[in-house]
């Protein structure tokens, strides 16, 4: 059990360390995730703007973390 926990921790650390490098190499996050055709009502990659729009419209924020 201890080896499994250590292996999971190492794997998680590698993933966390690799994510910034992956995002920087590819450029735009939308292009990397193939989210280039979003509707006008979507707020992408700007949490503050999403909360401001939610407050102005009285609607909740639906956040997707990948």
N, C-alpha and C. Protein backbone atom coordinates (compact mmCIF):
# COMPACT_ATOMS: atom_id res chain seq x y z
N UNK A 1 0.82 -1.19 0.00
CA UNK A 1 0.00 0.00 0.00
C UNK A 1 0.86 1.26 0.00
N UNK A 2 1.96 1.19 0.74
CA UNK A 2 2.85 2.34 0.83
C UNK A 2 3.47 2.64 -0.54
N UNK A 3 3.84 1.61 -1.29
CA UNK A 3 4.42 1.80 -2.62
C UNK A 3 3.42 2.41 -3.58
N UNK A 4 2.16 2.01 -3.46
CA UNK A 4 1.12 2.56 -4.33
C UNK A 4 0.95 4.06 -4.06
N UNK A 5 0.93 4.43 -2.80
CA UNK A 5 0.80 5.84 -2.44
C UNK A 5 1.99 6.66 -2.94
N UNK A 6 3.17 6.12 -2.81
CA UNK A 6 4.37 6.81 -3.30
C UNK A 6 4.33 6.94 -4.81
N UNK A 7 3.93 5.88 -5.50
CA UNK A 7 3.84 5.92 -6.96
C UNK A 7 2.81 6.94 -7.41
N UNK A 8 1.67 7.00 -6.75
CA UNK A 8 0.65 7.99 -7.10
C UNK A 8 1.16 9.41 -6.86
N UNK A 9 1.86 9.60 -5.77
CA UNK A 9 2.41 10.92 -5.48
C UNK A 9 3.42 11.36 -6.51
N UNK A 10 4.28 10.46 -6.92
CA UNK A 10 5.28 10.77 -7.94
C UNK A 10 4.60 11.08 -9.27
N UNK A 11 3.62 10.29 -9.63
CA UNK A 11 2.88 10.51 -10.88
C UNK A 11 2.17 11.86 -10.86
N UNK A 12 1.52 12.19 -9.76
CA UNK A 12 0.84 13.48 -9.64
C UNK A 12 1.84 14.63 -9.73
N UNK A 13 2.98 14.49 -9.09
CA UNK A 13 4.00 15.54 -9.14
C UNK A 13 4.50 15.74 -10.57
N UNK A 14 4.71 14.65 -11.29
CA UNK A 14 5.17 14.76 -12.68
C UNK A 14 4.13 15.46 -13.56
N UNK A 15 2.88 15.13 -13.36
CA UNK A 15 1.81 15.76 -14.14
C UNK A 15 1.75 17.25 -13.84
N UNK A 16 1.78 17.61 -12.55
CA UNK A 16 1.71 19.01 -12.16
C UNK A 16 2.90 19.79 -12.71
N UNK A 17 4.07 19.20 -12.69
CA UNK A 17 5.26 19.88 -13.20
C UNK A 17 5.26 19.99 -14.72
N UNK A 18 4.62 19.06 -15.40
CA UNK A 18 4.63 19.06 -16.86
C UNK A 18 3.57 19.98 -17.45
N UNK A 19 2.51 20.28 -16.73
CA UNK A 19 1.42 21.08 -17.28
C UNK A 19 1.84 22.49 -17.72
N UNK A 20 2.57 23.25 -16.91
CA UNK A 20 2.98 24.58 -17.38
C UNK A 20 3.84 24.53 -18.64
N UNK A 21 4.73 23.57 -18.72
CA UNK A 21 5.58 23.45 -19.90
C UNK A 21 4.75 23.10 -21.13
N UNK A 22 3.77 22.25 -20.96
CA UNK A 22 2.90 21.87 -22.08
C UNK A 22 2.10 23.09 -22.56
N UNK A 23 1.58 23.87 -21.64
CA UNK A 23 0.78 25.04 -22.02
C UNK A 23 1.64 26.11 -22.69
N UNK A 24 2.89 26.27 -22.27
CA UNK A 24 3.75 27.28 -22.85
C UNK A 24 4.23 26.89 -24.23
N UNK A 25 4.48 25.61 -24.46
CA UNK A 25 4.98 25.17 -25.75
C UNK A 25 3.95 25.33 -26.85
N UNK A 26 2.69 25.09 -26.53
CA UNK A 26 1.65 25.10 -27.55
C UNK A 26 1.06 26.46 -27.83
N UNK A 27 1.34 27.43 -27.00
CA UNK A 27 0.79 28.76 -27.24
C UNK A 27 -0.57 28.93 -26.58
N UNK A 28 -1.57 29.24 -27.38
CA UNK A 28 -2.90 29.57 -26.89
C UNK A 28 -3.59 28.35 -26.29
N UNK A 29 -4.17 28.50 -25.11
CA UNK A 29 -4.84 27.41 -24.42
C UNK A 29 -6.06 26.92 -25.20
N UNK A 30 -6.79 27.83 -25.81
CA UNK A 30 -7.95 27.43 -26.62
C UNK A 30 -7.55 26.52 -27.76
N UNK A 31 -6.45 26.81 -28.40
CA UNK A 31 -5.98 25.99 -29.51
C UNK A 31 -5.54 24.62 -29.01
N UNK A 32 -4.84 24.59 -27.87
CA UNK A 32 -4.40 23.32 -27.31
C UNK A 32 -5.57 22.40 -26.96
N UNK A 33 -6.64 23.00 -26.43
CA UNK A 33 -7.79 22.20 -26.00
C UNK A 33 -8.84 22.06 -27.10
N UNK A 34 -8.56 22.62 -28.26
CA UNK A 34 -9.48 22.58 -29.40
C UNK A 34 -10.83 23.20 -29.06
N UNK A 35 -10.80 24.32 -28.30
CA UNK A 35 -12.01 25.06 -27.94
C UNK A 35 -12.06 26.38 -28.71
N UNK A 36 -11.83 26.35 -29.99
CA UNK A 36 -11.74 27.58 -30.77
C UNK A 36 -13.10 28.12 -31.18
N UNK A 37 -14.14 27.29 -31.16
CA UNK A 37 -15.46 27.74 -31.59
C UNK A 37 -16.40 27.83 -30.39
N UNK A 38 -16.21 28.84 -29.56
CA UNK A 38 -17.06 29.03 -28.39
C UNK A 38 -18.13 30.06 -28.70
N UNK A 39 -19.26 29.94 -28.02
CA UNK A 39 -20.34 30.90 -28.20
C UNK A 39 -19.98 32.25 -27.59
N UNK A 40 -20.73 33.26 -27.94
CA UNK A 40 -20.47 34.61 -27.45
C UNK A 40 -20.73 34.75 -25.95
N UNK A 41 -21.57 33.89 -25.40
CA UNK A 41 -21.91 34.01 -23.98
C UNK A 41 -20.86 33.39 -23.05
N UNK A 42 -19.88 32.69 -23.60
CA UNK A 42 -18.86 32.04 -22.78
C UNK A 42 -17.76 33.02 -22.40
N UNK A 43 -17.34 32.95 -21.16
CA UNK A 43 -16.17 33.69 -20.69
C UNK A 43 -15.06 32.66 -20.53
N UNK A 44 -13.98 32.83 -21.27
CA UNK A 44 -12.93 31.83 -21.31
C UNK A 44 -11.66 32.34 -20.67
N UNK A 45 -11.16 31.63 -19.68
CA UNK A 45 -9.86 31.89 -19.07
C UNK A 45 -9.79 33.25 -18.36
N UNK A 46 -10.93 33.70 -17.79
CA UNK A 46 -10.96 34.97 -17.06
C UNK A 46 -12.02 34.86 -15.95
N UNK A 47 -11.60 34.41 -14.77
CA UNK A 47 -12.52 34.16 -13.67
C UNK A 47 -13.18 35.45 -13.20
N UNK A 48 -12.41 36.53 -13.12
CA UNK A 48 -12.97 37.80 -12.65
C UNK A 48 -14.08 38.29 -13.58
N UNK A 49 -13.88 38.18 -14.87
CA UNK A 49 -14.91 38.60 -15.82
C UNK A 49 -16.13 37.69 -15.73
N UNK A 50 -15.92 36.42 -15.47
CA UNK A 50 -17.05 35.49 -15.32
C UNK A 50 -17.90 35.86 -14.11
N UNK A 51 -17.26 36.17 -12.98
CA UNK A 51 -18.02 36.56 -11.79
C UNK A 51 -18.70 37.92 -11.98
N UNK A 52 -18.06 38.83 -12.68
CA UNK A 52 -18.67 40.13 -12.95
C UNK A 52 -19.92 39.97 -13.82
N UNK A 53 -19.84 39.13 -14.84
CA UNK A 53 -21.00 38.90 -15.70
C UNK A 53 -22.11 38.18 -14.94
N UNK A 54 -21.73 37.24 -14.09
CA UNK A 54 -22.73 36.53 -13.29
C UNK A 54 -23.46 37.47 -12.35
N UNK A 55 -22.73 38.38 -11.76
CA UNK A 55 -23.34 39.35 -10.85
C UNK A 55 -24.26 40.30 -11.61
N UNK A 56 -23.82 40.71 -12.79
CA UNK A 56 -24.63 41.65 -13.58
C UNK A 56 -25.90 41.01 -14.12
N UNK A 57 -25.85 39.73 -14.47
CA UNK A 57 -27.00 39.06 -15.06
C UNK A 57 -27.83 38.30 -14.04
N UNK A 58 -27.30 38.11 -12.82
CA UNK A 58 -28.02 37.36 -11.81
C UNK A 58 -28.01 35.86 -12.04
N UNK A 59 -27.08 35.40 -12.86
CA UNK A 59 -26.98 33.97 -13.17
C UNK A 59 -25.75 33.39 -12.47
N UNK A 60 -25.74 32.09 -12.22
CA UNK A 60 -24.58 31.47 -11.57
C UNK A 60 -23.43 31.25 -12.56
N UNK A 61 -22.26 31.02 -12.00
CA UNK A 61 -21.08 30.70 -12.79
C UNK A 61 -20.95 29.18 -12.88
N UNK A 62 -20.78 28.67 -14.06
CA UNK A 62 -20.47 27.26 -14.25
C UNK A 62 -19.02 27.20 -14.70
N UNK A 63 -18.15 26.69 -13.83
CA UNK A 63 -16.72 26.65 -14.13
C UNK A 63 -16.29 25.24 -14.47
N UNK A 64 -15.45 25.13 -15.48
CA UNK A 64 -14.90 23.85 -15.89
C UNK A 64 -13.39 23.91 -15.70
N UNK A 65 -12.87 23.02 -14.88
CA UNK A 65 -11.43 22.93 -14.65
C UNK A 65 -10.91 21.69 -15.34
N UNK A 66 -9.90 21.87 -16.16
CA UNK A 66 -9.33 20.72 -16.87
C UNK A 66 -7.92 20.49 -16.41
